[in-house]
Amino acid sequence: AEVGLSPLERGVLAHDVFEHFYREWDGRHGGTITHDRLADALALFVQVARARLSSLPGADRVLEERRLLGSIVNRGVADRVFELEADTGGVVARRLLEQELTGTFAFQSFLGEVSHIKVRGKADRIDVFDDGSLRVVDYKLSRLPDRFLSVQAGVYAHCARAWLEGQDGRDHPVRSAQYISL
């Protein structure tokens, strides 16, 4: 018999907790998590995480809470995610969470050839900064993909830029496209 959540269940749970956290954060505080707002972000994350974890059996709840929130000997993933946001700076004007990126998008090769490719994906988080630039974040439960081979974050960033520019007619340069290992 397996003990604990499967990797898929753990990934769904982590995505769910972060999505609900950012919806609550943006509803209450809005904007960037800065160094002076880290304590507020962590306090809210604890509330959201515990509420989302409450339906799990006791042992699973304790284990997942320790992974998300940390312990006396280990930092939790929330600490790392929020510190990364605080360290990178910028003013987040709005966030798009679990954003569908589905459609046909134009991709240009190094030789200048344009191909129209159907894409079906979902960005875990798109931060739109006050200057219109974007940060696309994709959470990974296990180790990070090979940065030389993986194209998912870059493709999502390209599609998010094109989609947003089509929505509002404004430039949305990509500031970063990153994976965060949970």
Protein backbone atom coordinates (compact mmCIF):
# COMPACT_ATOMS: atom_id res chain seq x y z
CA ALA A 1 0.00 0.00 0.00
CA GLU A 2 1.22 3.49 -0.83
CA VAL A 3 1.60 5.99 1.94
CA GLY A 4 0.91 9.66 1.27
CA LEU A 5 -0.20 11.44 -1.86
CA SER A 6 0.89 10.34 -5.29
CA PRO A 7 3.10 12.77 -7.23
CA LEU A 8 0.10 13.77 -9.34
CA GLU A 9 -2.08 14.40 -6.26
CA ARG A 10 0.74 16.39 -4.64
CA GLY A 11 1.16 18.51 -7.77
CA VAL A 12 -2.56 19.22 -8.05
CA LEU A 13 -2.65 20.17 -4.37
CA ALA A 14 0.36 22.52 -4.61
CA HIS A 15 -1.06 24.25 -7.69
CA ASP A 16 -4.43 24.59 -5.95
CA VAL A 17 -2.92 26.12 -2.82
CA PHE A 18 -0.83 28.65 -4.76
CA GLU A 19 -3.76 29.57 -7.02
CA HIS A 20 -6.05 30.18 -4.03
CA PHE A 21 -3.32 32.06 -2.18
CA TYR A 22 -2.69 34.47 -5.07
CA ARG A 23 -6.42 35.04 -5.57
CA GLU A 24 -6.74 35.90 -1.87
CA TRP A 25 -3.57 38.01 -1.91
CA ASP A 26 -4.66 40.02 -4.91
CA GLY A 27 -8.14 40.45 -3.43
CA ARG A 28 -6.84 41.69 -0.07
CA HIS A 29 -3.47 43.31 -0.75
CA GLY A 30 -2.84 43.20 -4.47
CA GLY A 31 0.43 43.61 -6.24
CA THR A 32 3.94 42.49 -5.66
CA ILE A 33 5.14 40.55 -2.68
CA THR A 34 8.04 42.70 -1.52
CA HIS A 35 10.52 42.07 1.29
CA ASP A 36 8.51 44.26 3.66
CA ARG A 37 5.34 42.27 2.84
CA LEU A 38 6.84 38.78 3.19
CA ALA A 39 5.41 38.23 6.69
CA ASP A 40 1.92 39.20 5.49
CA ALA A 41 2.22 36.89 2.49
CA LEU A 42 3.39 33.97 4.61
CA ALA A 43 0.63 34.52 7.19
CA LEU A 44 -2.02 34.50 4.48
CA PHE A 45 -0.42 31.47 2.81
CA VAL A 46 -0.60 29.56 6.10
CA GLN A 47 -4.34 30.31 6.35
CA VAL A 48 -5.03 29.31 2.75
CA ALA A 49 -2.85 26.19 2.89
CA ARG A 50 -4.37 24.93 6.13
CA ALA A 51 -7.88 25.44 4.77
CA ARG A 52 -7.01 23.56 1.56
CA LEU A 53 -5.23 20.79 3.49
CA SER A 54 -8.00 20.29 6.06
CA SER A 55 -9.72 17.57 4.03
CA LEU A 56 -6.63 15.33 3.94
CA PRO A 57 -6.13 12.47 6.38
CA GLY A 58 -4.00 13.45 9.39
CA ALA A 59 -0.64 12.00 8.33
CA ASP A 60 -0.96 13.33 4.78
CA ARG A 61 -2.02 16.74 6.07
CA VAL A 62 1.04 16.98 8.34
CA LEU A 63 3.43 15.87 5.60
CA GLU A 64 2.03 18.25 2.96
CA GLU A 65 1.89 21.13 5.44
CA ARG A 66 5.56 20.58 6.23
CA ARG A 67 6.43 20.63 2.51
CA LEU A 68 4.46 23.79 1.83
CA LEU A 69 5.08 25.71 5.05
CA GLY A 70 8.37 24.30 6.25
CA SER A 71 9.45 23.31 9.71
CA ILE A 72 11.95 24.35 12.31
CA VAL A 73 14.73 22.67 10.28
CA ASN A 74 13.56 23.23 6.70
CA ARG A 75 12.10 26.14 4.79
CA GLY A 76 8.84 25.56 2.98
CA VAL A 77 8.20 26.16 -0.69
CA ALA A 78 6.12 29.26 0.11
CA ASP A 79 9.19 30.97 1.59
CA ARG A 80 11.20 30.28 -1.56
CA VAL A 81 8.45 31.33 -3.99
CA PHE A 82 7.74 34.60 -2.17
CA GLU A 83 11.42 35.49 -1.67
CA LEU A 84 12.06 34.90 -5.36
CA GLU A 85 9.25 37.34 -6.20
CA ALA A 86 10.56 39.90 -3.70
CA ASP A 87 14.13 39.55 -5.01
CA THR A 88 13.21 40.07 -8.66
CA GLY A 89 11.41 43.35 -8.01
CA GLY A 90 9.00 45.18 -10.25
CA VAL A 91 5.43 46.25 -9.59
CA VAL A 92 2.89 43.54 -10.39
CA ALA A 93 -0.23 45.28 -11.68
CA ARG A 94 -2.26 42.08 -12.08
CA ARG A 95 -1.92 38.32 -12.12
CA LEU A 96 -3.47 35.77 -14.40
CA LEU A 97 -3.76 32.42 -12.64
CA GLU A 98 -4.18 29.06 -14.36
CA GLN A 99 -4.52 30.98 -17.63
CA GLU A 100 -5.56 28.94 -20.65
CA LEU A 101 -3.30 29.55 -23.63
CA THR A 102 -5.11 27.76 -26.39
CA GLY A 103 -5.18 28.71 -30.04
CA THR A 104 -3.02 29.11 -33.10
CA PHE A 105 0.04 31.27 -32.53
CA ALA A 106 2.65 32.58 -34.95
CA PHE A 107 6.22 31.46 -34.30
CA GLN A 108 9.18 32.83 -36.21
CA SER A 109 12.29 30.73 -36.84
CA PHE A 110 15.84 32.04 -36.69
CA LEU A 111 15.70 32.26 -40.48
CA GLY A 112 12.64 34.51 -40.37
CA GLU A 113 10.13 31.89 -41.48
CA VAL A 114 6.76 32.14 -39.74
CA SER A 115 4.82 29.04 -38.79
CA HIS A 116 1.37 28.97 -37.28
CA ILE A 117 1.22 26.33 -34.58
CA LYS A 118 -1.74 25.16 -32.51
CA VAL A 119 -0.98 25.35 -28.81
CA ARG A 120 -3.03 24.02 -25.94
CA GLY A 121 -1.64 24.86 -22.53
CA LYS A 122 -2.24 26.49 -19.22
CA ALA A 123 0.19 28.89 -17.57
CA ASP A 124 0.27 28.47 -13.81
CA ARG A 125 0.86 32.18 -13.27
CA ILE A 126 1.36 35.22 -15.46
CA ASP A 127 2.41 38.39 -13.66
CA VAL A 128 1.68 41.54 -15.64
CA PHE A 129 3.88 44.40 -14.45
CA ASP A 130 2.88 48.05 -14.43
CA ASP A 131 4.99 48.67 -17.56
CA GLY A 132 3.10 45.90 -19.40
CA SER A 133 5.94 43.37 -19.28
CA LEU A 134 5.28 39.77 -18.29
CA ARG A 135 6.70 37.13 -15.99
CA VAL A 136 5.43 33.64 -16.75
CA VAL A 137 5.81 31.15 -13.91
CA ASP A 138 5.39 27.40 -14.21
CA TYR A 139 5.45 25.36 -11.00
CA LYS A 140 7.18 21.98 -11.10
CA LEU A 141 6.76 19.50 -8.29
CA SER A 142 9.88 17.51 -9.05
CA ARG A 143 13.19 18.67 -10.38
CA LEU A 144 13.36 21.46 -12.90
CA PRO A 145 13.42 20.66 -16.63
CA ASP A 146 16.69 20.95 -18.52
CA ARG A 147 16.98 24.67 -19.28
CA PHE A 148 18.66 23.96 -22.62
CA LEU A 149 16.02 21.52 -23.85
CA SER A 150 12.72 22.52 -22.28
CA VAL A 151 10.62 24.98 -24.25
CA GLN A 152 7.40 24.98 -22.22
CA ALA A 153 7.99 28.19 -20.24
CA GLY A 154 9.25 30.02 -23.33
CA VAL A 155 6.32 28.88 -25.46
CA TYR A 156 3.86 29.89 -22.74
CA ALA A 157 5.53 33.30 -22.49
CA HIS A 158 5.34 33.82 -26.26
CA CYS A 159 1.67 32.77 -26.32
CA ALA A 160 0.82 34.92 -23.28
CA ARG A 161 2.45 37.95 -24.90
CA ALA A 162 0.58 37.43 -28.17
CA TRP A 163 -2.73 36.74 -26.42
CA LEU A 164 -2.48 39.81 -24.16
CA GLU A 165 -1.41 42.08 -27.02
CA GLY A 166 -4.47 40.84 -28.93
CA GLN A 167 -6.65 41.62 -25.91
CA ASP A 168 -5.54 45.17 -25.18
CA GLY A 169 -3.39 46.28 -28.15
CA ARG A 170 -0.53 47.14 -25.78
CA ASP A 171 3.06 45.86 -25.91
CA HIS A 172 3.77 43.04 -23.44
CA PRO A 173 7.46 42.20 -23.63
CA VAL A 174 8.51 39.08 -21.75
CA ARG A 175 10.54 39.95 -18.67
CA SER A 176 11.05 36.32 -17.70
CA ALA A 177 9.74 32.82 -18.21
CA GLN A 178 10.69 30.61 -15.32
CA TYR A 179 10.17 27.29 -13.65
CA ILE A 180 9.87 27.12 -9.88
CA SER A 181 10.52 23.76 -8.31
CA LEU A 182 8.14 23.04 -5.47
